Amino acid sequence: MRFLYGLLLVAAINFIVGCGESPKNSKQETDQSSMPLSEVTKLGEIPSFMSEGLSDEEKTELKKQILPHDIDDVSVAEEKFRALTEKAKAGDPVAQNHLGVMYYTGEAVSKSPSGQIMNNDPELAAGWFFRSAEQGYADAQFNLGLMYVNGEGVSQDLMHAVELFRKAAEQGHVDAQNNLGAMYFIGEGVERNVNKAIEWFEKAAAQGNEEAQANLEAIKASQK
């Protein structure tokens, strides 16, 4: 779930953040996060960028090496999902955010009102992100902000997205800081303010965020 704000800003809007994930800062992680949204890797699969050019036998061997050994144990997966759901319903913001990620990516299966199995459920995902974000959980605020930017699971609302990014950014969420900088620079959902954009890019860059660093360099180059 990401897109570019024009040519100047590099990867301004990033990715859904899961349970307890740390921001992606290394070159390798940046490359992985640059995959398009259609490249969501579901439970039991390996990303295409890792398997490109491999034979079926090589893919099978790679899958054995990198996936958890109990990935095909349906009963184990179901038990973990039930436990996660119970925590989420009990009000655990981390579990709520993680459950939202699972419904967004399709790891958690849901059905339409007609009973049809859905590949993913952005509306249900947004609902869980909302519950978690209301409790001040930064990852969920960031994720819900992305949903509002793209109008997935909710009506597009850039002003609301800015507010959610701001709440997460003020807690030190590095990707929210970078995204907030992008919104200020472009003037989407907030009045354009280059100084504010630089301020938030600098905060993210200070945490090692390569995209924010690239955005700062691009701004400096445009001002010469």
Protein backbone atom coordinates (compact mmCIF):
# COMPACT_ATOMS: atom_id res chain seq x y z
CA MET A 1 0.00 0.00 0.00
CA ARG A 2 2.15 2.80 -1.24
CA PHE A 3 2.45 5.35 -4.02
CA LEU A 4 4.69 8.15 -5.08
CA TYR A 5 3.93 11.81 -4.47
CA GLY A 6 5.35 13.08 -7.76
CA LEU A 7 8.90 12.68 -9.01
CA LEU A 8 10.56 14.54 -6.17
CA LEU A 9 9.50 12.38 -3.27
CA VAL A 10 10.80 8.83 -3.00
CA ALA A 11 8.32 6.25 -1.73
CA ALA A 12 6.36 8.85 0.20
CA ILE A 13 3.62 6.47 1.29
CA ASN A 14 4.93 3.20 2.57
CA PHE A 15 3.47 -0.07 3.79
CA ILE A 16 1.15 -1.70 6.27
CA VAL A 17 2.95 -2.32 9.55
CA GLY A 18 2.31 -5.57 11.36
CA CYS A 19 2.51 -6.68 14.95
CA GLY A 20 5.61 -5.25 16.60
CA GLU A 21 7.41 -4.62 13.32
CA SER A 22 10.22 -2.09 13.34
CA PRO A 23 10.51 0.52 10.59
CA LYS A 24 12.28 -0.58 7.43
CA ASN A 25 15.56 1.33 7.11
CA SER A 26 18.23 -0.89 5.56
CA LYS A 27 18.86 -1.03 1.82
CA GLN A 28 17.63 -4.60 1.63
CA GLU A 29 14.41 -3.80 3.47
CA THR A 30 13.83 -0.70 1.36
CA ASP A 31 14.09 -2.78 -1.78
CA GLN A 32 11.53 -5.24 -0.45
CA SER A 33 9.10 -2.51 0.59
CA SER A 34 9.22 -1.07 -2.93
CA MET A 35 7.22 -4.00 -4.31
CA PRO A 36 3.78 -3.03 -5.68
CA LEU A 37 0.71 -3.75 -3.56
CA SER A 38 -0.26 -6.67 -5.77
CA GLU A 39 2.91 -8.32 -4.47
CA VAL A 40 1.42 -9.14 -1.05
CA THR A 41 2.91 -12.41 0.17
CA LYS A 42 0.36 -14.56 1.96
CA LEU A 43 0.87 -17.22 4.60
CA GLY A 44 2.70 -20.20 3.14
CA GLU A 45 4.01 -18.36 0.08
CA ILE A 46 7.40 -16.92 -0.80
CA PRO A 47 7.76 -13.49 -2.42
CA SER A 48 8.15 -13.55 -6.20
CA PHE A 49 11.27 -11.38 -6.05
CA MET A 50 12.96 -14.23 -4.16
CA SER A 51 11.76 -16.99 -6.47
CA GLU A 52 12.14 -15.29 -9.85
CA GLY A 53 14.03 -17.49 -12.29
CA LEU A 54 13.95 -20.59 -10.06
CA SER A 55 12.66 -23.97 -11.17
CA ASP A 56 9.71 -25.56 -9.33
CA GLU A 57 12.13 -27.84 -7.48
CA GLU A 58 14.30 -24.89 -6.43
CA LYS A 59 11.23 -22.96 -5.27
CA THR A 60 10.13 -25.93 -3.16
CA GLU A 61 13.57 -26.17 -1.56
CA LEU A 62 13.65 -22.42 -0.89
CA LYS A 63 10.22 -22.63 0.70
CA LYS A 64 11.44 -25.37 3.03
CA GLN A 65 14.40 -23.23 4.06
CA ILE A 66 12.69 -19.92 4.80
CA LEU A 67 9.17 -20.78 5.95
CA PRO A 68 8.30 -21.95 9.47
CA HIS A 69 8.14 -25.71 9.76
CA ASP A 70 4.57 -25.66 11.08
CA ILE A 71 3.24 -23.46 8.27
CA ASP A 72 1.15 -26.32 6.89
CA ASP A 73 -0.20 -27.28 10.30
CA VAL A 74 -3.73 -25.94 9.93
CA SER A 75 -4.71 -26.67 13.51
CA VAL A 76 -1.74 -24.69 14.84
CA ALA A 77 -2.53 -21.75 12.56
CA GLU A 78 -6.19 -21.79 13.57
CA GLU A 79 -5.32 -21.88 17.26
CA LYS A 80 -2.94 -18.92 16.89
CA PHE A 81 -5.61 -16.99 15.00
CA ARG A 82 -8.24 -17.73 17.64
CA ALA A 83 -5.90 -16.58 20.40
CA LEU A 84 -5.08 -13.41 18.48
CA THR A 85 -8.77 -12.70 17.89
CA GLU A 86 -9.57 -13.17 21.57
CA LYS A 87 -6.84 -10.68 22.53
CA ALA A 88 -8.09 -8.21 19.93
CA LYS A 89 -11.70 -8.47 21.13
CA ALA A 90 -10.48 -8.01 24.70
CA GLY A 91 -8.97 -4.68 23.66
CA ASP A 92 -5.29 -5.45 23.08
CA PRO A 93 -4.18 -2.74 20.59
CA VAL A 94 -1.21 -4.76 19.30
CA ALA A 95 -3.44 -7.75 18.56
CA GLN A 96 -6.05 -5.49 16.97
CA ASN A 97 -3.45 -4.00 14.63
CA HIS A 98 -2.04 -7.41 13.77
CA LEU A 99 -5.53 -8.73 13.04
CA GLY A 100 -6.11 -5.73 10.77
CA VAL A 101 -2.94 -6.58 8.86
CA MET A 102 -4.08 -10.19 8.46
CA TYR A 103 -7.46 -9.17 7.06
CA TYR A 104 -5.81 -6.63 4.77
CA THR A 105 -3.31 -9.09 3.32
CA GLY A 106 -5.73 -12.00 3.15
CA GLU A 107 -3.95 -14.14 5.75
CA ALA A 108 -7.21 -14.09 7.69
CA VAL A 109 -10.16 -15.34 5.63
CA SER A 110 -13.47 -13.47 5.66
CA LYS A 111 -16.74 -13.79 3.76
CA SER A 112 -18.96 -11.29 2.01
CA PRO A 113 -22.60 -10.83 3.17
CA SER A 114 -23.57 -13.32 0.47
CA GLY A 115 -21.17 -15.90 1.91
CA GLN A 116 -18.50 -15.60 -0.79
CA ILE A 117 -14.93 -16.03 0.46
CA MET A 118 -12.94 -12.81 -0.03
CA ASN A 119 -9.27 -12.59 -1.01
CA ASN A 120 -8.86 -9.80 1.52
CA ASP A 121 -11.15 -7.54 3.53
CA PRO A 122 -10.01 -3.89 3.70
CA GLU A 123 -13.18 -2.78 5.49
CA LEU A 124 -12.68 -5.26 8.31
CA ALA A 125 -8.98 -4.39 8.37
CA ALA A 126 -9.79 -0.70 8.72
CA GLY A 127 -12.17 -1.50 11.55
CA TRP A 128 -9.47 -3.25 13.56
CA PHE A 129 -6.93 -0.53 12.77
CA PHE A 130 -9.46 2.02 14.04
CA ARG A 131 -9.94 0.20 17.35
CA SER A 132 -6.19 0.04 17.87
CA ALA A 133 -5.54 3.60 16.68
CA GLU A 134 -8.15 4.93 19.11
CA GLN A 135 -5.97 3.54 21.89
CA GLY A 136 -3.00 5.50 20.59
CA TYR A 137 -1.10 2.61 18.99
CA ALA A 138 1.24 4.25 16.46
CA ASP A 139 1.45 1.37 13.98
CA ALA A 140 -2.35 1.27 13.71
CA GLN A 141 -2.56 5.05 13.33
CA PHE A 142 -0.07 4.79 10.49
CA ASN A 143 -1.92 1.89 8.85
CA LEU A 144 -5.31 3.56 9.13
CA GLY A 145 -3.76 6.72 7.70
CA LEU A 146 -2.71 4.71 4.65
CA MET A 147 -6.24 3.38 4.28
CA TYR A 148 -7.60 6.94 4.27
CA VAL A 149 -4.98 8.08 1.75
CA ASN A 150 -5.94 5.36 -0.71
CA GLY A 151 -9.65 5.10 0.14
CA GLU A 152 -9.36 1.42 0.97
CA GLY A 153 -11.92 0.10 3.44
CA VAL A 154 -12.90 3.72 4.16
CA SER A 155 -13.78 6.78 2.11
CA GLN A 156 -10.70 8.68 0.99
CA ASP A 157 -10.00 11.50 3.44
CA LEU A 158 -6.58 13.09 3.16
CA MET A 159 -7.15 15.46 6.07
CA HIS A 160 -7.90 12.54 8.35
CA ALA A 161 -4.87 10.72 6.98
CA VAL A 162 -2.66 13.69 7.87
CA GLU A 163 -4.03 13.74 11.41
CA LEU A 164 -3.38 10.02 11.86
CA PHE A 165 0.14 10.31 10.44
CA ARG A 166 0.76 13.23 12.79
CA LYS A 167 -0.33 11.24 15.85
CA ALA A 168 1.97 8.36 14.90
CA ALA A 169 4.81 10.68 13.89
CA GLU A 170 4.69 12.47 17.23
CA GLN A 171 5.31 9.09 18.87
CA GLY A 172 8.43 8.67 16.76
CA HIS A 173 6.96 6.43 14.04
CA VAL A 174 9.58 6.89 11.34
CA ASP A 175 7.43 6.07 8.30
CA ALA A 176 4.62 8.28 9.56
CA GLN A 177 7.17 11.08 9.87
CA ASN A 178 8.27 10.59 6.28
CA ASN A 179 4.69 10.40 5.02
CA LEU A 180 3.70 13.50 6.96
CA GLY A 181 6.62 15.31 5.39
CA ALA A 182 5.34 14.24 1.98
CA MET A 183 1.83 15.48 2.70
CA TYR A 184 3.18 18.86 3.80
CA PHE A 185 5.44 19.14 0.78
CA ILE A 186 2.70 18.40 -1.74
CA GLY A 187 -0.06 20.11 0.22
CA GLU A 188 -2.36 17.09 0.32
CA GLY A 189 -4.78 17.10 3.24
CA VAL A 190 -2.94 20.06 4.75
CA GLU A 191 -1.78 23.49 3.62
CA ARG A 192 1.52 23.21 1.76
CA ASN A 193 4.46 24.06 3.99
CA VAL A 194 7.95 23.17 2.75
CA ASN A 195 9.56 24.04 6.09
CA LYS A 196 7.23 21.65 7.91
CA ALA A 197 7.96 19.00 5.29
CA ILE A 198 11.70 19.39 5.82
CA GLU A 199 11.20 19.25 9.59
CA TRP A 200 9.44 15.88 9.41
CA PHE A 201 11.81 14.50 6.78
CA GLU A 202 14.71 15.43 9.06
CA LYS A 203 13.12 13.60 11.99
CA ALA A 204 12.68 10.46 9.89
CA ALA A 205 16.15 10.78 8.35
CA ALA A 206 17.68 11.08 11.81
CA GLN A 207 16.28 7.61 12.50
CA GLY A 208 18.01 6.28 9.40
CA ASN A 209 15.03 6.29 7.03
CA GLU A 210 16.55 6.21 3.55
CA GLU A 211 13.42 7.49 1.83
CA ALA A 212 13.35 10.61 4.02
CA GLN A 213 17.06 11.13 3.37
CA ALA A 214 16.43 10.92 -0.38
CA ASN A 215 13.53 13.35 -0.07
CA LEU A 216 15.74 15.88 1.74
CA GLU A 217 18.44 15.54 -0.88
CA ALA A 218 15.89 16.07 -3.65
CA ILE A 219 14.54 19.20 -1.96
CA LYS A 220 18.06 20.62 -1.51
CA ALA A 221 18.89 19.89 -5.14
CA SER A 222 15.73 21.68 -6.31
CA GLN A 223 16.63 24.78 -4.29
CA LYS A 224 20.07 25.25 -5.90
